């Protein structure tokens, strides 16, 4: 078995963990949730959920990972030998494997749209619903783009913690933030920017319902990549002097900033075009936005090419940083449990995920007739992982940290053995024992039924 490495620097650890959290959930799912739940009112509740629930749960994952310096399954086994808590570690690795299997296909879509944007074909006057439906139902093209994305992810993971994950996180995260800055500036110059900003910044409290609150809790949980085993695995590479509360806060700030700024990119563009529904859902990115870019920049095609190219590059970078963490969560377990080299473990995970990814891709085309409970293979993977395993995993992490682990161990990890002051420990401990598990349970029941 290869020597276990740590991240080489504190900034590398923060950027890697932020990259794990930042993904399609920020750039794709967050604007969708904002559009479906009333705009600014949803954002207001979402920010509160990140602060009250997201950061405490992230800190819990961090302390479990750093204390054990092991993959997620071994981490729970070390802290609770012979106990059923180990099942949480197994669920974390399994859900990361399941999510990666269909995530690479969706990421392949972003790669395809990036190529279409750069080539100028996306900006042509076309029926974008037909373009997307024809592409995803093709038996080979989505598999090819998904496999290309899988290769990029595999290449980084096979290089290791410092030479792969940390080095590329230091490169990609600044690129991602730079592209966001460019796109936000361009969006502010669109005709509908004022309406878009009003939608995002002026809360309509009448739209605050129980459903909106629960959606905000669920989005905060999903956006931060909690209970996937990713953050726990990355924390196992943290150095002993890493300030866990400060790191969790830094990661959450970066993640939230990317999500909110993605709204500032998308909604000014959407409000620039009449008859575009802000509640268009997941199709917003692949069906609605290409049409928006084509109309909004029709008088300046070169600007449209650049804007759409940068946007789908942003999507691709966000997808890649998250895919890296999902892959590493599974690879870390395989190489440590089966005493394999990193390259062999990464290859085994890549091949297995790609095999399931093919099935997920074909579920939109030749295998669309294969359904269970009315869900095709892709939808079934998404439902089981995001609606069942993730929320249950989040509840278990809260119960494990708040009720099973010794309070002195938890406090010692969060204060680095008393070397750091963490004034909010009592509040954190109350949230992790009572508030967070009840809130996640409410989301679980709401989403499931």
Protein backbone atom coordinates (compact mmCIF):
# COMPACT_ATOMS: atom_id res chain seq x y z
CA UNK A 1 0.00 0.00 0.00
CA UNK A 2 1.26 3.49 -0.84
CA UNK A 3 2.28 6.01 1.83
CA UNK A 4 -0.60 8.23 2.96
CA UNK A 5 0.07 11.87 2.11
CA UNK A 6 -1.33 15.12 3.48
CA UNK A 7 -2.14 18.32 1.64
CA UNK A 8 1.03 20.35 1.34
CA UNK A 9 -0.45 23.72 2.38
CA UNK A 10 -3.43 25.20 4.19
CA UNK A 11 -4.61 27.07 1.08
CA UNK A 12 -4.36 23.82 -0.88
CA UNK A 13 -6.58 22.09 1.68
CA UNK A 14 -9.16 24.89 1.58
CA UNK A 15 -9.25 25.04 -2.24
CA UNK A 16 -9.48 21.25 -2.55
CA UNK A 17 -12.34 21.07 -0.03
CA UNK A 18 -14.02 24.07 -1.70
CA UNK A 19 -13.64 22.31 -5.05
CA UNK A 20 -15.37 19.28 -3.56
CA UNK A 21 -18.30 21.43 -2.47
CA UNK A 22 -18.47 23.59 -5.62
CA UNK A 23 -20.06 21.64 -8.44
CA UNK A 24 -23.06 21.46 -10.73
CA UNK A 25 -25.18 21.83 -7.60
CA UNK A 26 -24.01 25.45 -7.42
CA UNK A 27 -24.09 26.49 -11.06
CA UNK A 28 -27.02 24.37 -12.22
CA UNK A 29 -29.18 23.26 -9.29
CA UNK A 30 -28.97 26.45 -7.22
CA UNK A 31 -30.37 28.78 -9.95
CA UNK A 32 -33.07 26.18 -10.60
CA UNK A 33 -34.08 26.19 -6.93
CA UNK A 34 -33.98 29.99 -6.83
CA UNK A 35 -36.24 30.18 -9.88
CA UNK A 36 -38.68 27.63 -8.48
CA UNK A 37 -38.87 29.16 -5.00
CA UNK A 38 -39.34 32.87 -5.47
CA UNK A 39 -35.86 34.33 -5.88
CA UNK A 40 -34.51 36.53 -3.08
CA UNK A 41 -36.72 35.00 -0.37
CA UNK A 42 -35.20 31.60 -1.07
CA UNK A 43 -31.65 32.99 -1.09
CA UNK A 44 -32.23 34.62 2.31
CA UNK A 45 -33.29 31.32 3.88
CA UNK A 46 -30.55 29.44 2.02
CA UNK A 47 -27.81 31.65 3.51
CA UNK A 48 -29.24 31.05 6.98
CA UNK A 49 -29.26 27.28 6.36
CA UNK A 50 -25.61 27.33 5.29
CA UNK A 51 -24.69 29.17 8.48
CA UNK A 52 -26.82 27.21 10.93
CA UNK A 53 -26.77 23.69 9.44
CA UNK A 54 -24.23 23.42 6.63
CA UNK A 55 -21.11 24.63 8.45
CA UNK A 56 -21.71 22.56 11.64
CA UNK A 57 -22.28 19.35 9.66
CA UNK A 58 -19.18 20.08 7.55
CA UNK A 59 -17.12 20.56 10.71
CA UNK A 60 -18.36 17.18 11.94
CA UNK A 61 -17.18 15.49 8.76
CA UNK A 62 -13.85 17.29 8.99
CA UNK A 63 -13.17 16.21 12.57
CA UNK A 64 -14.02 12.57 11.81
CA UNK A 65 -11.68 12.51 8.81
CA UNK A 66 -8.72 14.32 10.37
CA UNK A 67 -8.89 12.44 13.68
CA UNK A 68 -8.68 9.05 11.97
CA UNK A 69 -6.55 9.89 8.89
CA UNK A 70 -8.37 7.14 7.01
CA UNK A 71 -10.93 6.56 4.28
CA UNK A 72 -14.56 7.04 5.28
CA UNK A 73 -15.36 3.40 6.07
CA UNK A 74 -12.20 2.86 8.12
CA UNK A 75 -12.76 6.21 9.88
CA UNK A 76 -16.08 5.09 11.37
CA UNK A 77 -14.65 1.66 12.16
CA UNK A 78 -11.78 3.25 14.11
CA UNK A 79 -14.04 5.54 16.10
CA UNK A 80 -16.72 2.90 16.74
CA UNK A 81 -15.06 -0.57 16.61
CA UNK A 82 -17.54 -3.36 16.11
CA UNK A 83 -20.48 -0.97 16.09
CA UNK A 84 -23.12 -0.56 13.39
CA UNK A 85 -21.90 3.03 12.83
CA UNK A 86 -19.55 1.56 10.23
CA UNK A 87 -22.59 1.32 7.96
CA UNK A 88 -22.49 5.12 7.64
CA UNK A 89 -18.98 4.89 6.21
CA UNK A 90 -20.09 2.19 3.77
CA UNK A 91 -23.09 4.31 2.75
CA UNK A 92 -20.80 7.32 2.20
CA UNK A 93 -18.50 5.44 -0.15
CA UNK A 94 -21.41 3.74 -1.90
CA UNK A 95 -23.32 6.97 -2.52
CA UNK A 96 -20.16 8.66 -3.83
CA UNK A 97 -19.74 5.74 -6.26
CA UNK A 98 -23.39 5.91 -7.30
CA UNK A 99 -23.41 9.68 -7.78
CA UNK A 100 -20.14 9.64 -9.76
CA UNK A 101 -21.62 7.05 -12.12
CA UNK A 102 -24.34 9.40 -13.37
CA UNK A 103 -22.49 12.64 -12.58
CA UNK A 104 -19.90 11.89 -15.27
CA UNK A 105 -22.69 11.64 -17.85
CA UNK A 106 -24.16 15.04 -16.93
CA UNK A 107 -20.61 16.43 -16.88
CA UNK A 108 -20.15 15.00 -20.34
CA UNK A 109 -23.14 17.08 -21.42
CA UNK A 110 -21.32 20.22 -20.27
CA UNK A 111 -18.26 19.13 -22.27
CA UNK A 112 -20.42 18.65 -25.37
CA UNK A 113 -22.04 22.07 -24.96
CA UNK A 114 -18.64 23.68 -24.41
CA UNK A 115 -17.42 22.20 -27.71
CA UNK A 116 -20.61 23.35 -29.42
CA UNK A 117 -20.15 26.86 -27.99
CA UNK A 118 -16.50 27.19 -28.99
CA UNK A 119 -17.25 25.94 -32.51
CA UNK A 120 -20.08 28.49 -32.88
CA UNK A 121 -22.71 25.86 -33.59
CA UNK A 122 -24.57 26.49 -30.34
CA UNK A 123 -25.28 30.10 -31.27
CA UNK A 124 -26.98 29.22 -34.52
CA UNK A 125 -30.74 29.75 -34.64
CA UNK A 126 -31.89 26.28 -33.65
CA UNK A 127 -34.56 24.36 -31.76
CA UNK A 128 -32.58 23.84 -28.54
CA UNK A 129 -35.10 21.42 -27.07
CA UNK A 130 -34.59 19.17 -30.10
CA UNK A 131 -30.80 19.65 -29.95
CA UNK A 132 -30.65 18.47 -26.34
CA UNK A 133 -33.14 15.61 -26.75
CA UNK A 134 -31.39 14.33 -29.88
CA UNK A 135 -28.00 14.47 -28.16
CA UNK A 136 -28.93 12.68 -24.91
CA UNK A 137 -30.90 9.97 -26.73
CA UNK A 138 -27.95 9.16 -29.01
CA UNK A 139 -26.53 5.74 -28.01
CA UNK A 140 -22.86 6.71 -28.38
CA UNK A 141 -22.18 10.45 -28.27
CA UNK A 142 -23.10 11.06 -24.59
CA UNK A 143 -21.09 7.96 -23.65
CA UNK A 144 -18.08 9.33 -25.53
CA UNK A 145 -18.26 12.75 -23.87
CA UNK A 146 -18.84 11.12 -20.47
CA UNK A 147 -15.83 8.86 -20.99
CA UNK A 148 -13.71 11.86 -21.95
CA UNK A 149 -14.71 13.60 -18.72
CA UNK A 150 -14.02 10.40 -16.77
CA UNK A 151 -10.52 10.30 -18.27
CA UNK A 152 -9.81 13.86 -17.09
CA UNK A 153 -10.95 12.97 -13.58
CA UNK A 154 -8.97 9.72 -13.54
CA UNK A 155 -5.80 11.46 -14.71
CA UNK A 156 -5.91 13.86 -11.75
CA UNK A 157 -6.79 11.26 -9.10
CA UNK A 158 -4.11 8.81 -10.31
CA UNK A 159 -1.44 11.48 -9.69
CA UNK A 160 -2.14 11.48 -5.96
CA UNK A 161 -3.07 13.96 -3.24
CA UNK A 162 -0.43 16.67 -3.62
CA UNK A 163 0.55 16.22 -7.28
CA UNK A 164 -3.00 15.62 -8.43
CA UNK A 165 -5.87 16.87 -6.26
CA UNK A 166 -4.10 19.77 -4.55
CA UNK A 167 -2.17 20.99 -7.59
CA UNK A 168 -5.17 20.97 -9.91
CA UNK A 169 -7.45 22.50 -7.25
CA UNK A 170 -5.02 25.41 -6.92
CA UNK A 171 -5.22 25.84 -10.70
CA UNK A 172 -8.92 25.26 -11.32
CA UNK A 173 -10.54 27.10 -8.41
CA UNK A 174 -8.94 30.49 -9.27
CA UNK A 175 -9.85 29.89 -12.94
CA UNK A 176 -13.43 29.15 -11.93
CA UNK A 177 -13.69 32.33 -9.83
CA UNK A 178 -12.07 34.39 -12.60
CA UNK A 179 -14.58 33.13 -15.19
CA UNK A 180 -17.45 33.86 -12.80
CA UNK A 181 -16.20 37.44 -12.45
CA UNK A 182 -16.13 37.91 -16.23
CA UNK A 183 -19.62 36.46 -16.70
CA UNK A 184 -21.14 38.54 -13.89
CA UNK A 185 -19.77 41.75 -15.44
CA UNK A 186 -21.16 40.75 -18.85
CA UNK A 187 -24.56 39.86 -17.36
CA UNK A 188 -24.86 43.25 -15.68
CA UNK A 189 -24.66 44.83 -19.13
CA UNK A 190 -27.68 42.95 -20.45
CA UNK A 191 -31.04 44.72 -20.99
CA UNK A 192 -32.79 42.62 -18.34
CA UNK A 193 -30.13 42.97 -15.66
CA UNK A 194 -32.23 45.29 -13.46
CA UNK A 195 -35.16 42.89 -13.41
CA UNK A 196 -32.84 39.95 -12.81
CA UNK A 197 -31.13 41.70 -9.90
CA UNK A 198 -34.48 42.72 -8.42
CA UNK A 199 -35.58 39.08 -8.55
CA UNK A 200 -32.39 38.03 -6.72
CA UNK A 201 -32.05 40.86 -4.21
CA UNK A 202 -35.56 42.05 -3.28
CA UNK A 203 -37.22 39.42 -1.04
CA UNK A 204 -40.95 38.87 -1.31
CA UNK A 205 -41.73 37.52 2.15
CA UNK A 206 -45.14 36.41 0.97
CA UNK A 207 -43.37 33.67 -0.97
CA UNK A 208 -41.79 32.21 2.19
CA UNK A 209 -43.59 28.91 2.73
CA UNK A 210 -42.66 25.72 4.52
CA UNK A 211 -41.80 24.16 1.18
CA UNK A 212 -39.38 26.99 0.36
CA UNK A 213 -37.63 26.59 3.73
CA UNK A 214 -37.26 22.84 3.28
CA UNK A 215 -35.97 23.32 -0.27
CA UNK A 216 -33.36 25.76 1.08
CA UNK A 217 -32.21 23.24 3.69
CA UNK A 218 -31.96 20.53 1.04
CA UNK A 219 -30.04 22.77 -1.37
CA UNK A 220 -27.59 23.83 1.35
CA UNK A 221 -26.96 20.17 2.15
CA UNK A 222 -26.57 19.20 -1.51
CA UNK A 223 -24.48 22.22 -2.46
CA UNK A 224 -21.86 21.61 0.25
CA UNK A 225 -21.48 17.92 -0.76
CA UNK A 226 -22.33 16.74 2.74
CA UNK A 227 -22.66 13.02 3.66
CA UNK A 228 -21.00 11.88 0.41
CA UNK A 229 -17.79 10.85 2.16
CA UNK A 230 -15.88 13.44 0.11
CA UNK A 231 -15.24 16.01 2.83
CA UNK A 232 -14.42 13.32 5.38
CA UNK A 233 -11.90 11.80 2.95
CA UNK A 234 -10.31 15.17 2.12
CA UNK A 235 -10.11 16.01 5.85
CA UNK A 236 -8.10 12.83 6.37
CA UNK A 237 -5.35 14.57 4.36
CA UNK A 238 -5.47 17.73 6.53
CA UNK A 239 -2.39 18.59 8.54
CA UNK A 240 -2.68 18.45 12.37
CA UNK A 241 -2.54 22.25 12.68
CA UNK A 242 -5.48 22.86 10.30
CA UNK A 243 -8.12 25.09 11.88
CA UNK A 244 -11.27 23.06 11.20
CA UNK A 245 -13.91 25.73 12.03
CA UNK A 246 -12.08 28.33 9.97
CA UNK A 247 -11.60 25.88 7.08
CA UNK A 248 -15.31 24.95 7.14
CA UNK A 249 -16.23 28.64 7.12
CA UNK A 250 -13.84 29.35 4.23
CA UNK A 251 -15.15 26.46 2.16
CA UNK A 252 -18.76 27.50 2.80
CA UNK A 253 -18.05 31.12 1.85
CA UNK A 254 -16.46 30.09 -1.46
CA UNK A 255 -19.23 27.60 -2.18
CA UNK A 256 -21.99 30.08 -1.38
CA UNK A 257 -20.31 32.84 -3.36
CA UNK A 258 -20.15 30.61 -6.45
CA UNK A 259 -23.81 29.64 -6.07
CA UNK A 260 -25.11 33.20 -5.60
CA UNK A 261 -22.92 34.64 -8.35
CA UNK A 262 -24.20 31.92 -10.68
CA UNK A 263 -27.64 33.40 -10.10
CA UNK A 264 -26.24 36.83 -10.98
CA UNK A 265 -24.97 35.33 -14.24
CA UNK A 266 -28.11 33.46 -15.25
CA UNK A 267 -31.09 35.61 -14.23
CA UNK A 268 -30.06 38.94 -15.82
CA UNK A 269 -29.64 36.92 -19.04
CA UNK A 270 -32.99 35.18 -18.60
CA UNK A 271 -34.85 38.44 -17.88
CA UNK A 272 -33.33 39.93 -21.04
CA UNK A 273 -35.49 37.68 -23.18
CA UNK A 274 -39.28 37.74 -23.17
CA UNK A 275 -41.31 34.57 -22.69
CA UNK A 276 -38.52 32.75 -20.82
CA UNK A 277 -39.69 31.00 -17.68
CA UNK A 278 -37.36 31.42 -14.67
CA UNK A 279 -38.83 28.21 -13.26
CA UNK A 280 -37.71 26.17 -16.26
CA UNK A 281 -36.01 23.66 -13.96
CA UNK A 282 -32.96 21.55 -14.92
CA UNK A 283 -33.62 22.25 -18.60
CA UNK A 284 -32.69 25.88 -17.89
CA UNK A 285 -28.99 25.25 -18.53
CA UNK A 286 -29.16 23.03 -21.60
CA UNK A 287 -32.43 24.07 -23.26
CA UNK A 288 -33.28 27.61 -22.20
CA UNK A 289 -29.90 29.34 -21.81
CA UNK A 290 -28.56 28.57 -25.31
CA UNK A 291 -31.65 30.29 -26.71
CA UNK A 292 -31.15 33.20 -24.30
CA UNK A 293 -27.51 33.61 -25.35
CA UNK A 294 -28.51 33.48 -29.02
CA UNK A 295 -31.16 36.20 -28.63
CA UNK A 296 -29.35 38.43 -26.12
CA UNK A 297 -26.17 38.55 -28.20
CA UNK A 298 -27.75 38.25 -31.64
CA UNK A 299 -26.36 41.66 -32.62
CA UNK A 300 -22.85 40.71 -31.46
CA UNK A 301 -22.32 37.04 -32.32
CA UNK A 302 -18.68 37.03 -31.23
CA UNK A 303 -19.71 38.16 -27.73
CA UNK A 304 -22.32 35.42 -27.65
CA UNK A 305 -19.69 32.81 -28.56
CA UNK A 306 -17.41 34.08 -25.80
CA UNK A 307 -20.16 34.30 -23.16
CA UNK A 308 -21.58 30.84 -23.85
CA UNK A 309 -18.07 29.36 -24.08
CA UNK A 310 -17.06 30.84 -20.73
CA UNK A 311 -20.34 29.73 -19.15
CA UNK A 312 -19.97 26.09 -20.17
CA UNK A 313 -16.28 26.18 -19.24
CA UNK A 314 -17.45 27.30 -15.79
CA UNK A 315 -19.85 24.36 -15.66
CA UNK A 316 -17.11 21.96 -16.72
CA UNK A 317 -14.63 23.20 -14.10
CA UNK A 318 -17.27 23.02 -11.36
CA UNK A 319 -18.19 19.50 -12.43
CA UNK A 320 -14.55 18.40 -12.50
CA UNK A 321 -13.67 19.65 -9.01
CA UNK A 322 -16.64 17.77 -7.54
CA UNK A 323 -16.01 14.64 -9.59
CA UNK A 324 -12.44 14.59 -8.23
CA UNK A 325 -13.70 14.43 -4.65
CA UNK A 326 -16.30 11.76 -5.42
CA UNK A 327 -13.66 9.67 -7.17
CA UNK A 328 -11.14 10.14 -4.36
CA UNK A 329 -13.69 9.10 -1.73
CA UNK A 330 -14.03 5.70 -3.40
CA UNK A 331 -10.39 5.38 -4.51
CA UNK A 332 -9.08 6.04 -0.99
CA UNK A 333 -11.14 3.15 0.32
CA UNK A 334 -10.15 0.75 -2.47
CA UNK A 335 -6.41 1.40 -2.24
CA UNK A 336 -6.36 1.17 1.59
CA UNK A 337 -8.75 -1.77 1.99
CA UNK A 338 -7.30 -3.91 -0.80
CA UNK A 339 -3.67 -2.72 -0.48
CA UNK A 340 -3.52 -1.62 -4.09
CA UNK A 341 -1.40 1.07 -5.71
CA UNK A 342 -3.15 4.38 -6.31
CA UNK A 343 -3.02 3.96 -10.08
CA UNK A 344 -4.64 0.51 -9.95
CA UNK A 345 -7.27 1.61 -7.44
CA UNK A 346 -8.13 4.69 -9.51
CA UNK A 347 -8.35 2.59 -12.67
CA UNK A 348 -10.70 0.10 -10.99
CA UNK A 349 -12.99 2.89 -9.78
CA UNK A 350 -12.94 4.70 -13.15
CA UNK A 351 -13.78 1.55 -15.09
CA UNK A 352 -16.57 0.52 -12.70
CA UNK A 353 -18.17 3.97 -12.63
CA UNK A 354 -17.95 4.32 -16.40
CA UNK A 355 -19.67 0.95 -16.84
CA UNK A 356 -22.63 2.12 -14.75
CA UNK A 357 -22.42 5.50 -16.46
CA UNK A 358 -23.04 3.84 -19.81
CA UNK A 359 -26.24 2.33 -18.42
CA UNK A 360 -27.31 5.76 -17.10
CA UNK A 361 -26.66 7.35 -20.48
CA UNK A 362 -28.50 4.67 -22.43
CA UNK A 363 -31.54 5.16 -20.17
CA UNK A 364 -32.31 8.30 -22.21
CA UNK A 365 -32.15 6.37 -25.49
CA UNK A 366 -32.19 2.64 -26.29
CA UNK A 367 -32.84 1.63 -22.65
CA UNK A 368 -35.49 4.26 -21.91
CA UNK A 369 -38.08 1.47 -21.58
CA UNK A 370 -36.24 0.01 -18.57
CA UNK A 371 -37.93 1.65 -15.58
CA UNK A 372 -38.58 0.97 -11.91
CA UNK A 373 -41.34 2.86 -10.09
CA UNK A 374 -41.62 5.01 -13.21
CA UNK A 375 -37.93 6.02 -13.08
CA UNK A 376 -35.30 5.18 -15.69
CA UNK A 377 -31.83 4.06 -14.59
CA UNK A 378 -30.41 7.59 -14.45
CA UNK A 379 -33.40 8.93 -12.48
CA UNK A 380 -33.33 5.92 -10.14
CA UNK A 381 -29.65 6.50 -9.29
CA UNK A 382 -30.35 10.17 -8.65
CA UNK A 383 -33.43 9.50 -6.52
CA UNK A 384 -31.85 6.81 -4.34
CA UNK A 385 -28.68 8.80 -3.75
CA UNK A 386 -30.00 12.35 -3.29
CA UNK A 387 -33.43 11.66 -1.79
CA UNK A 388 -32.66 8.67 0.45
CA UNK A 389 -29.01 7.92 1.20
CA UNK A 390 -27.68 11.49 1.50
CA UNK A 391 -30.26 12.81 3.99
CA UNK A 392 -30.13 9.63 6.05
CA UNK A 393 -26.33 9.87 6.02
CA UNK A 394 -26.51 13.46 7.19
CA UNK A 395 -28.75 12.51 10.11
CA UNK A 396 -26.39 9.69 11.11
CA UNK A 397 -23.34 12.00 11.01
CA UNK A 398 -25.11 14.41 13.36
CA UNK A 399 -26.13 11.62 15.75
CA UNK A 400 -22.67 10.06 15.63
CA UNK A 401 -20.87 13.32 16.40
CA UNK A 402 -23.40 14.73 18.84
CA UNK A 403 -24.45 11.61 20.73
CA UNK A 404 -21.92 8.80 20.25
CA UNK A 405 -18.50 10.48 20.20
CA UNK A 406 -17.15 11.72 23.49
CA UNK A 407 -17.73 15.46 23.81
CA UNK A 408 -14.12 16.01 24.87
CA UNK A 409 -12.87 14.35 21.64
CA UNK A 410 -15.10 16.58 19.52
CA UNK A 411 -13.99 19.72 21.36
CA UNK A 412 -10.34 18.67 21.19
CA UNK A 413 -10.49 18.23 17.42
CA UNK A 414 -12.20 21.57 16.85
CA UNK A 415 -9.69 23.40 19.07
CA UNK A 416 -6.60 21.41 18.00
CA UNK A 417 -6.14 20.04 21.47
CA UNK A 418 -6.90 23.35 23.17
CA UNK A 419 -4.42 25.39 21.09
CA UNK A 420 -7.23 27.29 19.35
CA UNK A 421 -10.23 29.08 20.83
CA UNK A 422 -13.63 28.11 19.52
CA UNK A 423 -16.09 30.35 21.34
CA UNK A 424 -19.12 28.91 19.55
CA UNK A 425 -18.54 25.30 20.58
CA UNK A 426 -21.63 25.10 22.82
CA UNK A 427 -23.81 26.49 20.02
CA UNK A 428 -22.22 24.09 17.52
CA UNK A 429 -22.80 21.15 19.86
CA UNK A 430 -26.46 22.07 20.38
CA UNK A 431 -27.03 22.42 16.63
CA UNK A 432 -25.35 19.13 15.77
CA UNK A 433 -27.34 17.26 18.43
CA UNK A 434 -30.79 18.75 17.92
CA UNK A 435 -31.27 21.35 15.19
CA UNK A 436 -29.40 19.78 12.25
CA UNK A 437 -30.77 16.20 12.52
CA UNK A 438 -34.35 17.44 12.90
CA UNK A 439 -34.02 19.83 9.95
CA UNK A 440 -32.49 17.15 7.71
CA UNK A 441 -35.18 14.68 8.79
CA UNK A 442 -37.88 17.20 7.81
CA UNK A 443 -36.29 17.58 4.36
CA UNK A 444 -36.05 13.80 4.00
CA UNK A 445 -39.74 13.29 4.73
CA UNK A 446 -40.74 16.23 2.52
CA UNK A 447 -38.68 15.08 -0.47
CA UNK A 448 -39.61 11.43 -0.14
CA UNK A 449 -43.36 11.84 0.24
